[in-house]
mmCIF file of all heavy atoms, coordinates in Angstrom:
data_MODEL
# 
_entry.id   MODEL 
# 
loop_
_atom_site.group_PDB 
_atom_site.id 
_atom_site.type_symbol 
_atom_site.label_atom_id 
_atom_site.label_alt_id 
_atom_site.label_comp_id 
_atom_site.label_asym_id 
_atom_site.label_entity_id 
_atom_site.label_seq_id 
_atom_site.pdbx_PDB_ins_code 
_atom_site.Cartn_x 
_atom_site.Cartn_y 
_atom_site.Cartn_z 
_atom_site.occupancy 
_atom_site.B_iso_or_equiv 
_atom_site.pdbx_formal_charge 
_atom_site.auth_seq_id 
_atom_site.auth_comp_id 
_atom_site.auth_asym_id 
_atom_site.auth_atom_id 
_atom_site.pdbx_PDB_model_num 
ATOM 1   N N   . TYR A 1 1  ? 8.530   9.779  -6.237  1.00 0.00 ? 1  TYR A N   1 
ATOM 2   C CA  . TYR A 1 1  ? 9.946   9.753  -6.646  1.00 0.00 ? 1  TYR A CA  1 
ATOM 3   C C   . TYR A 1 1  ? 10.191  8.692  -7.712  1.00 0.00 ? 1  TYR A C   1 
ATOM 4   O O   . TYR A 1 1  ? 10.859  8.945  -8.709  1.00 0.00 ? 1  TYR A O   1 
ATOM 5   C CB  . TYR A 1 1  ? 10.816  9.493  -5.416  1.00 0.00 ? 1  TYR A CB  1 
ATOM 6   C CG  . TYR A 1 1  ? 12.292  9.397  -5.703  1.00 0.00 ? 1  TYR A CG  1 
ATOM 7   C CD1 . TYR A 1 1  ? 12.995  10.496 -6.201  1.00 0.00 ? 1  TYR A CD1 1 
ATOM 8   C CD2 . TYR A 1 1  ? 12.990  8.208  -5.483  1.00 0.00 ? 1  TYR A CD2 1 
ATOM 9   C CE1 . TYR A 1 1  ? 14.354  10.417 -6.466  1.00 0.00 ? 1  TYR A CE1 1 
ATOM 10  C CE2 . TYR A 1 1  ? 14.349  8.113  -5.742  1.00 0.00 ? 1  TYR A CE2 1 
ATOM 11  C CZ  . TYR A 1 1  ? 15.027  9.224  -6.233  1.00 0.00 ? 1  TYR A CZ  1 
ATOM 12  O OH  . TYR A 1 1  ? 16.376  9.146  -6.502  1.00 0.00 ? 1  TYR A OH  1 
ATOM 13  N N   . ASP A 1 2  ? 9.646   7.504  -7.504  1.00 0.00 ? 2  ASP A N   1 
ATOM 14  C CA  . ASP A 1 2  ? 9.791   6.427  -8.487  1.00 0.00 ? 2  ASP A CA  1 
ATOM 15  C C   . ASP A 1 2  ? 8.545   5.555  -8.400  1.00 0.00 ? 2  ASP A C   1 
ATOM 16  O O   . ASP A 1 2  ? 8.500   4.562  -7.675  1.00 0.00 ? 2  ASP A O   1 
ATOM 17  C CB  . ASP A 1 2  ? 11.053  5.608  -8.214  1.00 0.00 ? 2  ASP A CB  1 
ATOM 18  C CG  . ASP A 1 2  ? 11.335  4.590  -9.317  1.00 0.00 ? 2  ASP A CG  1 
ATOM 19  O OD1 . ASP A 1 2  ? 10.427  4.349  -10.146 1.00 0.00 ? 2  ASP A OD1 1 
ATOM 20  O OD2 . ASP A 1 2  ? 12.445  4.035  -9.356  1.00 0.00 ? 2  ASP A OD2 1 
ATOM 21  N N   . SER A 1 3  ? 7.539   5.954  -9.144  1.00 0.00 ? 3  SER A N   1 
ATOM 22  C CA  . SER A 1 3  ? 6.199   5.381  -9.005  1.00 0.00 ? 3  SER A CA  1 
ATOM 23  C C   . SER A 1 3  ? 6.146   3.884  -9.293  1.00 0.00 ? 3  SER A C   1 
ATOM 24  O O   . SER A 1 3  ? 5.280   3.174  -8.771  1.00 0.00 ? 3  SER A O   1 
ATOM 25  C CB  . SER A 1 3  ? 5.234   6.112  -9.942  1.00 0.00 ? 3  SER A CB  1 
ATOM 26  O OG  . SER A 1 3  ? 3.926   5.622  -9.783  1.00 0.00 ? 3  SER A OG  1 
ATOM 27  N N   . ARG A 1 4  ? 7.089   3.395  -10.105 1.00 0.00 ? 4  ARG A N   1 
ATOM 28  C CA  . ARG A 1 4  ? 7.025   1.982  -10.499 1.00 0.00 ? 4  ARG A CA  1 
ATOM 29  C C   . ARG A 1 4  ? 8.020   1.107  -9.737  1.00 0.00 ? 4  ARG A C   1 
ATOM 30  O O   . ARG A 1 4  ? 8.193   -0.063 -10.056 1.00 0.00 ? 4  ARG A O   1 
ATOM 31  C CB  . ARG A 1 4  ? 7.266   1.877  -12.004 1.00 0.00 ? 4  ARG A CB  1 
ATOM 32  C CG  . ARG A 1 4  ? 6.189   2.627  -12.795 1.00 0.00 ? 4  ARG A CG  1 
ATOM 33  C CD  . ARG A 1 4  ? 6.469   2.681  -14.272 1.00 0.00 ? 4  ARG A CD  1 
ATOM 34  N NE  . ARG A 1 4  ? 6.359   1.378  -14.909 1.00 0.00 ? 4  ARG A NE  1 
ATOM 35  C CZ  . ARG A 1 4  ? 6.517   1.171  -16.209 1.00 0.00 ? 4  ARG A CZ  1 
ATOM 36  N NH1 . ARG A 1 4  ? 6.801   2.184  -17.009 1.00 0.00 ? 4  ARG A NH1 1 
ATOM 37  N NH2 . ARG A 1 4  ? 6.407   -0.045 -16.703 1.00 0.00 ? 4  ARG A NH2 1 
ATOM 38  N N   . SER A 1 5  ? 8.656   1.664  -8.728  1.00 0.00 ? 5  SER A N   1 
ATOM 39  C CA  . SER A 1 5  ? 9.639   0.898  -7.957  1.00 0.00 ? 5  SER A CA  1 
ATOM 40  C C   . SER A 1 5  ? 8.942   -0.123 -7.057  1.00 0.00 ? 5  SER A C   1 
ATOM 41  O O   . SER A 1 5  ? 7.744   -0.020 -6.767  1.00 0.00 ? 5  SER A O   1 
ATOM 42  C CB  . SER A 1 5  ? 10.478  1.842  -7.098  1.00 0.00 ? 5  SER A CB  1 
ATOM 43  O OG  . SER A 1 5  ? 9.658   2.475  -6.132  1.00 0.00 ? 5  SER A OG  1 
ATOM 44  N N   . THR A 1 6  ? 9.712   -1.099 -6.590  1.00 0.00 ? 6  THR A N   1 
ATOM 45  C CA  . THR A 1 6  ? 9.131   -2.110 -5.688  1.00 0.00 ? 6  THR A CA  1 
ATOM 46  C C   . THR A 1 6  ? 8.688   -1.465 -4.368  1.00 0.00 ? 6  THR A C   1 
ATOM 47  O O   . THR A 1 6  ? 7.694   -1.870 -3.780  1.00 0.00 ? 6  THR A O   1 
ATOM 48  C CB  . THR A 1 6  ? 10.151  -3.224 -5.365  1.00 0.00 ? 6  THR A CB  1 
ATOM 49  O OG1 . THR A 1 6  ? 11.343  -2.631 -4.851  1.00 0.00 ? 6  THR A OG1 1 
ATOM 50  C CG2 . THR A 1 6  ? 10.484  -4.035 -6.598  1.00 0.00 ? 6  THR A CG2 1 
ATOM 51  N N   . GLY A 1 7  ? 9.422   -0.430 -3.930  1.00 0.00 ? 7  GLY A N   1 
ATOM 52  C CA  . GLY A 1 7  ? 9.040   0.270  -2.696  1.00 0.00 ? 7  GLY A CA  1 
ATOM 53  C C   . GLY A 1 7  ? 7.682   0.945  -2.830  1.00 0.00 ? 7  GLY A C   1 
ATOM 54  O O   . GLY A 1 7  ? 6.836   0.866  -1.931  1.00 0.00 ? 7  GLY A O   1 
ATOM 55  N N   . ALA A 1 8  ? 7.459   1.609  -3.962  1.00 0.00 ? 8  ALA A N   1 
ATOM 56  C CA  . ALA A 1 8  ? 6.168   2.277  -4.203  1.00 0.00 ? 8  ALA A CA  1 
ATOM 57  C C   . ALA A 1 8  ? 5.037   1.256  -4.249  1.00 0.00 ? 8  ALA A C   1 
ATOM 58  O O   . ALA A 1 8  ? 3.976   1.449  -3.631  1.00 0.00 ? 8  ALA A O   1 
ATOM 59  C CB  . ALA A 1 8  ? 6.229   3.072  -5.507  1.00 0.00 ? 8  ALA A CB  1 
ATOM 60  N N   . GLU A 1 9  ? 5.266   0.153  -4.961  1.00 0.00 ? 9  GLU A N   1 
ATOM 61  C CA  . GLU A 1 9  ? 4.222   -0.882 -5.054  1.00 0.00 ? 9  GLU A CA  1 
ATOM 62  C C   . GLU A 1 9  ? 3.924   -1.479 -3.680  1.00 0.00 ? 9  GLU A C   1 
ATOM 63  O O   . GLU A 1 9  ? 2.770   -1.751 -3.344  1.00 0.00 ? 9  GLU A O   1 
ATOM 64  C CB  . GLU A 1 9  ? 4.661   -1.980 -6.038  1.00 0.00 ? 9  GLU A CB  1 
ATOM 65  C CG  . GLU A 1 9  ? 4.621   -1.552 -7.496  1.00 0.00 ? 9  GLU A CG  1 
ATOM 66  C CD  . GLU A 1 9  ? 3.253   -1.010 -7.919  1.00 0.00 ? 9  GLU A CD  1 
ATOM 67  O OE1 . GLU A 1 9  ? 2.226   -1.567 -7.503  1.00 0.00 ? 9  GLU A OE1 1 
ATOM 68  O OE2 . GLU A 1 9  ? 3.214   -0.005 -8.657  1.00 0.00 ? 9  GLU A OE2 1 
ATOM 69  N N   . SER A 1 10 ? 4.966   -1.677 -2.877  1.00 0.00 ? 10 SER A N   1 
ATOM 70  C CA  . SER A 1 10 ? 4.770   -2.259 -1.542  1.00 0.00 ? 10 SER A CA  1 
ATOM 71  C C   . SER A 1 10 ? 3.937   -1.341 -0.653  1.00 0.00 ? 10 SER A C   1 
ATOM 72  O O   . SER A 1 10 ? 3.018   -1.793 0.042   1.00 0.00 ? 10 SER A O   1 
ATOM 73  C CB  . SER A 1 10 ? 6.123   -2.525 -0.872  1.00 0.00 ? 10 SER A CB  1 
ATOM 74  O OG  . SER A 1 10 ? 6.861   -3.465 -1.617  1.00 0.00 ? 10 SER A OG  1 
ATOM 75  N N   . TYR A 1 11 ? 4.249   -0.043 -0.669  1.00 0.00 ? 11 TYR A N   1 
ATOM 76  C CA  . TYR A 1 11 ? 3.480   0.873  0.177   1.00 0.00 ? 11 TYR A CA  1 
ATOM 77  C C   . TYR A 1 11 ? 2.044   1.070  -0.337  1.00 0.00 ? 11 TYR A C   1 
ATOM 78  O O   . TYR A 1 11 ? 1.122   1.294  0.447   1.00 0.00 ? 11 TYR A O   1 
ATOM 79  C CB  . TYR A 1 11 ? 4.213   2.210  0.354   1.00 0.00 ? 11 TYR A CB  1 
ATOM 80  C CG  . TYR A 1 11 ? 5.203   2.128  1.505   1.00 0.00 ? 11 TYR A CG  1 
ATOM 81  C CD1 . TYR A 1 11 ? 6.571   2.103  1.280   1.00 0.00 ? 11 TYR A CD1 1 
ATOM 82  C CD2 . TYR A 1 11 ? 4.753   2.028  2.828   1.00 0.00 ? 11 TYR A CD2 1 
ATOM 83  C CE1 . TYR A 1 11 ? 7.471   1.985  2.344   1.00 0.00 ? 11 TYR A CE1 1 
ATOM 84  C CE2 . TYR A 1 11 ? 5.641   1.906  3.879   1.00 0.00 ? 11 TYR A CE2 1 
ATOM 85  C CZ  . TYR A 1 11 ? 6.996   1.895  3.639   1.00 0.00 ? 11 TYR A CZ  1 
ATOM 86  O OH  . TYR A 1 11 ? 7.861   1.772  4.695   1.00 0.00 ? 11 TYR A OH  1 
ATOM 87  N N   . ARG A 1 12 ? 1.854   0.952  -1.646  1.00 0.00 ? 12 ARG A N   1 
ATOM 88  C CA  . ARG A 1 12 ? 0.468   0.971  -2.166  1.00 0.00 ? 12 ARG A CA  1 
ATOM 89  C C   . ARG A 1 12 ? -0.314  -0.240 -1.644  1.00 0.00 ? 12 ARG A C   1 
ATOM 90  O O   . ARG A 1 12 ? -1.485  -0.125 -1.266  1.00 0.00 ? 12 ARG A O   1 
ATOM 91  C CB  . ARG A 1 12 ? 0.470   0.965  -3.695  1.00 0.00 ? 12 ARG A CB  1 
ATOM 92  C CG  . ARG A 1 12 ? 0.844   2.295  -4.305  1.00 0.00 ? 12 ARG A CG  1 
ATOM 93  C CD  . ARG A 1 12 ? 0.569   2.332  -5.807  1.00 0.00 ? 12 ARG A CD  1 
ATOM 94  N NE  . ARG A 1 12 ? 1.077   3.565  -6.376  1.00 0.00 ? 12 ARG A NE  1 
ATOM 95  C CZ  . ARG A 1 12 ? 2.200   3.655  -7.103  1.00 0.00 ? 12 ARG A CZ  1 
ATOM 96  N NH1 . ARG A 1 12 ? 2.907   2.566  -7.378  1.00 0.00 ? 12 ARG A NH1 1 
ATOM 97  N NH2 . ARG A 1 12 ? 2.591   4.825  -7.578  1.00 0.00 ? 12 ARG A NH2 1 
ATOM 98  N N   . LEU A 1 13 ? 0.334   -1.398 -1.641  1.00 0.00 ? 13 LEU A N   1 
ATOM 99  C CA  . LEU A 1 13 ? -0.320  -2.611 -1.122  1.00 0.00 ? 13 LEU A CA  1 
ATOM 100 C C   . LEU A 1 13 ? -0.623  -2.476 0.368   1.00 0.00 ? 13 LEU A C   1 
ATOM 101 O O   . LEU A 1 13 ? -1.697  -2.879 0.835   1.00 0.00 ? 13 LEU A O   1 
ATOM 102 C CB  . LEU A 1 13 ? 0.560   -3.841 -1.374  1.00 0.00 ? 13 LEU A CB  1 
ATOM 103 C CG  . LEU A 1 13 ? 0.666   -4.310 -2.825  1.00 0.00 ? 13 LEU A CG  1 
ATOM 104 C CD1 . LEU A 1 13 ? 1.743   -5.379 -2.953  1.00 0.00 ? 13 LEU A CD1 1 
ATOM 105 C CD2 . LEU A 1 13 ? -0.684  -4.844 -3.315  1.00 0.00 ? 13 LEU A CD2 1 
ATOM 106 N N   . LEU A 1 14 ? 0.326   -1.885 1.122   1.00 0.00 ? 14 LEU A N   1 
ATOM 107 C CA  . LEU A 1 14 ? 0.094   -1.675 2.555   1.00 0.00 ? 14 LEU A CA  1 
ATOM 108 C C   . LEU A 1 14 ? -1.079  -0.719 2.766   1.00 0.00 ? 14 LEU A C   1 
ATOM 109 O O   . LEU A 1 14 ? -1.950  -0.970 3.616   1.00 0.00 ? 14 LEU A O   1 
ATOM 110 C CB  . LEU A 1 14 ? 1.359   -1.119 3.220   1.00 0.00 ? 14 LEU A CB  1 
ATOM 111 C CG  . LEU A 1 14 ? 1.237   -0.852 4.730   1.00 0.00 ? 14 LEU A CG  1 
ATOM 112 C CD1 . LEU A 1 14 ? 0.972   -2.141 5.505   1.00 0.00 ? 14 LEU A CD1 1 
ATOM 113 C CD2 . LEU A 1 14 ? 2.492   -0.164 5.267   1.00 0.00 ? 14 LEU A CD2 1 
ATOM 114 N N   . ALA A 1 15 ? -1.124  0.361  1.989   1.00 0.00 ? 15 ALA A N   1 
ATOM 115 C CA  . ALA A 1 15 ? -2.231  1.320  2.106   1.00 0.00 ? 15 ALA A CA  1 
ATOM 116 C C   . ALA A 1 15 ? -3.569  0.635  1.829   1.00 0.00 ? 15 ALA A C   1 
ATOM 117 O O   . ALA A 1 15 ? -4.565  0.860  2.518   1.00 0.00 ? 15 ALA A O   1 
ATOM 118 C CB  . ALA A 1 15 ? -2.019  2.491  1.138   1.00 0.00 ? 15 ALA A CB  1 
ATOM 119 N N   . LYS A 1 16 ? -3.570  -0.242 0.836   1.00 0.00 ? 16 LYS A N   1 
ATOM 120 C CA  . LYS A 1 16 ? -4.798  -0.976 0.491   1.00 0.00 ? 16 LYS A CA  1 
ATOM 121 C C   . LYS A 1 16 ? -5.226  -1.874 1.653   1.00 0.00 ? 16 LYS A C   1 
ATOM 122 O O   . LYS A 1 16 ? -6.410  -1.926 2.014   1.00 0.00 ? 16 LYS A O   1 
ATOM 123 C CB  . LYS A 1 16 ? -4.556  -1.810 -0.774  1.00 0.00 ? 16 LYS A CB  1 
ATOM 124 C CG  . LYS A 1 16 ? -5.818  -2.296 -1.454  1.00 0.00 ? 16 LYS A CG  1 
ATOM 125 C CD  . LYS A 1 16 ? -5.508  -2.975 -2.781  1.00 0.00 ? 16 LYS A CD  1 
ATOM 126 C CE  . LYS A 1 16 ? -5.147  -1.966 -3.842  1.00 0.00 ? 16 LYS A CE  1 
ATOM 127 N NZ  . LYS A 1 16 ? -4.978  -2.601 -5.171  1.00 0.00 ? 16 LYS A NZ  1 
ATOM 128 N N   . GLU A 1 17 ? -4.250  -2.554 2.256   1.00 0.00 ? 17 GLU A N   1 
ATOM 129 C CA  . GLU A 1 17 ? -4.550  -3.412 3.413   1.00 0.00 ? 17 GLU A CA  1 
ATOM 130 C C   . GLU A 1 17 ? -5.116  -2.588 4.573   1.00 0.00 ? 17 GLU A C   1 
ATOM 131 O O   . GLU A 1 17 ? -6.074  -2.993 5.229   1.00 0.00 ? 17 GLU A O   1 
ATOM 132 C CB  . GLU A 1 17 ? -3.288  -4.145 3.875   1.00 0.00 ? 17 GLU A CB  1 
ATOM 133 C CG  . GLU A 1 17 ? -2.998  -5.436 3.153   1.00 0.00 ? 17 GLU A CG  1 
ATOM 134 C CD  . GLU A 1 17 ? -1.976  -6.282 3.919   1.00 0.00 ? 17 GLU A CD  1 
ATOM 135 O OE1 . GLU A 1 17 ? -2.393  -7.015 4.831   1.00 0.00 ? 17 GLU A OE1 1 
ATOM 136 O OE2 . GLU A 1 17 ? -0.779  -6.189 3.607   1.00 0.00 ? 17 GLU A OE2 1 
ATOM 137 N N   . VAL A 1 18 ? -4.494  -1.442 4.829   1.00 0.00 ? 18 VAL A N   1 
ATOM 138 C CA  . VAL A 1 18 ? -4.944  -0.568 5.918   1.00 0.00 ? 18 VAL A CA  1 
ATOM 139 C C   . VAL A 1 18 ? -6.374  -0.098 5.660   1.00 0.00 ? 18 VAL A C   1 
ATOM 140 O O   . VAL A 1 18 ? -7.225  -0.118 6.550   1.00 0.00 ? 18 VAL A O   1 
ATOM 141 C CB  . VAL A 1 18 ? -3.988  0.642  6.092   1.00 0.00 ? 18 VAL A CB  1 
ATOM 142 C CG1 . VAL A 1 18 ? -4.590  1.706  6.995   1.00 0.00 ? 18 VAL A CG1 1 
ATOM 143 C CG2 . VAL A 1 18 ? -2.635  0.164  6.654   1.00 0.00 ? 18 VAL A CG2 1 
ATOM 144 N N   . MET A 1 19 ? -6.653  0.296  4.425   1.00 0.00 ? 19 MET A N   1 
ATOM 145 C CA  . MET A 1 19 ? -8.002  0.785  4.073   1.00 0.00 ? 19 MET A CA  1 
ATOM 146 C C   . MET A 1 19 ? -9.048  -0.334 4.183   1.00 0.00 ? 19 MET A C   1 
ATOM 147 O O   . MET A 1 19 ? -10.206 -0.072 4.501   1.00 0.00 ? 19 MET A O   1 
ATOM 148 C CB  . MET A 1 19 ? -8.009  1.358  2.654   1.00 0.00 ? 19 MET A CB  1 
ATOM 149 C CG  . MET A 1 19 ? -7.305  2.686  2.547   1.00 0.00 ? 19 MET A CG  1 
ATOM 150 S SD  . MET A 1 19 ? -7.489  3.446  0.913   1.00 0.00 ? 19 MET A SD  1 
ATOM 151 C CE  . MET A 1 19 ? -6.427  2.441  -0.109  1.00 0.00 ? 19 MET A CE  1 
ATOM 152 N N   . ASN A 1 20 ? -8.622  -1.556 3.898   1.00 0.00 ? 20 ASN A N   1 
ATOM 153 C CA  . ASN A 1 20 ? -9.576  -2.672 3.882   1.00 0.00 ? 20 ASN A CA  1 
ATOM 154 C C   . ASN A 1 20 ? -9.847  -3.295 5.238   1.00 0.00 ? 20 ASN A C   1 
ATOM 155 O O   . ASN A 1 20 ? -10.678 -4.193 5.356   1.00 0.00 ? 20 ASN A O   1 
ATOM 156 C CB  . ASN A 1 20 ? -9.094  -3.764 2.917   1.00 0.00 ? 20 ASN A CB  1 
ATOM 157 C CG  . ASN A 1 20 ? -9.217  -3.346 1.470   1.00 0.00 ? 20 ASN A CG  1 
ATOM 158 O OD1 . ASN A 1 20 ? -9.969  -2.424 1.152   1.00 0.00 ? 20 ASN A OD1 1 
ATOM 159 N ND2 . ASN A 1 20 ? -8.472  -3.979 0.577   1.00 0.00 ? 20 ASN A ND2 1 
ATOM 160 N N   . ARG A 1 21 ? -9.140  -2.840 6.270   1.00 0.00 ? 21 ARG A N   1 
ATOM 161 C CA  . ARG A 1 21 ? -9.373  -3.407 7.610   1.00 0.00 ? 21 ARG A CA  1 
ATOM 162 C C   . ARG A 1 21 ? -10.768 -3.015 8.085   1.00 0.00 ? 21 ARG A C   1 
ATOM 163 O O   . ARG A 1 21 ? -11.102 -1.861 8.229   1.00 0.00 ? 21 ARG A O   1 
ATOM 164 C CB  . ARG A 1 21 ? -8.336  -2.844 8.612   1.00 0.00 ? 21 ARG A CB  1 
ATOM 165 C CG  . ARG A 1 21 ? -6.970  -3.461 8.525   1.00 0.00 ? 21 ARG A CG  1 
ATOM 166 C CD  . ARG A 1 21 ? -6.899  -4.894 9.041   1.00 0.00 ? 21 ARG A CD  1 
ATOM 167 N NE  . ARG A 1 21 ? -7.086  -5.002 10.463  1.00 0.00 ? 21 ARG A NE  1 
ATOM 168 C CZ  . ARG A 1 21 ? -6.153  -4.810 11.373  1.00 0.00 ? 21 ARG A CZ  1 
ATOM 169 N NH1 . ARG A 1 21 ? -4.923  -4.469 11.012  1.00 0.00 ? 21 ARG A NH1 1 
ATOM 170 N NH2 . ARG A 1 21 ? -6.410  -4.970 12.658  1.00 0.00 ? 21 ARG A NH2 1 
ATOM 171 N N   . LYS A 1 22 ? -11.575 -4.024 8.361   1.00 0.00 ? 22 LYS A N   1 
ATOM 172 C CA  . LYS A 1 22 ? -12.955 -3.750 8.808   1.00 0.00 ? 22 LYS A CA  1 
ATOM 173 C C   . LYS A 1 22 ? -13.128 -4.001 10.302  1.00 0.00 ? 22 LYS A C   1 
ATOM 174 O O   . LYS A 1 22 ? -14.162 -3.724 10.884  1.00 0.00 ? 22 LYS A O   1 
ATOM 175 C CB  . LYS A 1 22 ? -13.936 -4.662 8.029   1.00 0.00 ? 22 LYS A CB  1 
ATOM 176 C CG  . LYS A 1 22 ? -13.933 -4.445 6.531   1.00 0.00 ? 22 LYS A CG  1 
ATOM 177 C CD  . LYS A 1 22 ? -14.579 -3.119 6.151   1.00 0.00 ? 22 LYS A CD  1 
ATOM 178 C CE  . LYS A 1 22 ? -14.653 -2.943 4.653   1.00 0.00 ? 22 LYS A CE  1 
ATOM 179 N NZ  . LYS A 1 22 ? -13.525 -2.245 4.068   1.00 0.00 ? 22 LYS A NZ  1 
ATOM 180 N N   . ASP A 1 23 ? -12.089 -4.578 10.933  1.00 0.00 ? 23 ASP A N   1 
ATOM 181 C CA  . ASP A 1 23 ? -12.244 -4.983 12.340  1.00 0.00 ? 23 ASP A CA  1 
ATOM 182 C C   . ASP A 1 23 ? -11.781 -3.900 13.314  1.00 0.00 ? 23 ASP A C   1 
ATOM 183 O O   . ASP A 1 23 ? -11.708 -4.120 14.512  1.00 0.00 ? 23 ASP A O   1 
ATOM 184 C CB  . ASP A 1 23 ? -11.442 -6.275 12.591  1.00 0.00 ? 23 ASP A CB  1 
ATOM 185 C CG  . ASP A 1 23 ? -9.971  -6.137 12.212  1.00 0.00 ? 23 ASP A CG  1 
ATOM 186 O OD1 . ASP A 1 23 ? -9.676  -5.307 11.327  1.00 0.00 ? 23 ASP A OD1 1 
ATOM 187 O OD2 . ASP A 1 23 ? -9.139  -6.849 12.789  1.00 0.00 ? 23 ASP A OD2 1 
ATOM 188 N N   . ILE A 1 24 ? -11.454 -2.715 12.801  1.00 0.00 ? 24 ILE A N   1 
ATOM 189 C CA  . ILE A 1 24 ? -10.984 -1.633 13.692  1.00 0.00 ? 24 ILE A CA  1 
ATOM 190 C C   . ILE A 1 24 ? -12.015 -0.526 13.717  1.00 0.00 ? 24 ILE A C   1 
ATOM 191 O O   . ILE A 1 24 ? -12.488 -0.103 12.697  1.00 0.00 ? 24 ILE A O   1 
ATOM 192 C CB  . ILE A 1 24 ? -9.610  -1.084 13.198  1.00 0.00 ? 24 ILE A CB  1 
ATOM 193 C CG1 . ILE A 1 24 ? -8.540  -2.135 13.382  1.00 0.00 ? 24 ILE A CG1 1 
ATOM 194 C CG2 . ILE A 1 24 ? -9.228  0.178  13.943  1.00 0.00 ? 24 ILE A CG2 1 
ATOM 195 C CD1 . ILE A 1 24 ? -7.179  -1.780 12.847  1.00 0.00 ? 24 ILE A CD1 1 
# 
């Protein structure tokens, strides 16, 4: 919907954190 919005950037960062979790 708005690729450059702060909401989009925040969820991209969350997705990156989720993908990088190695302890699960």
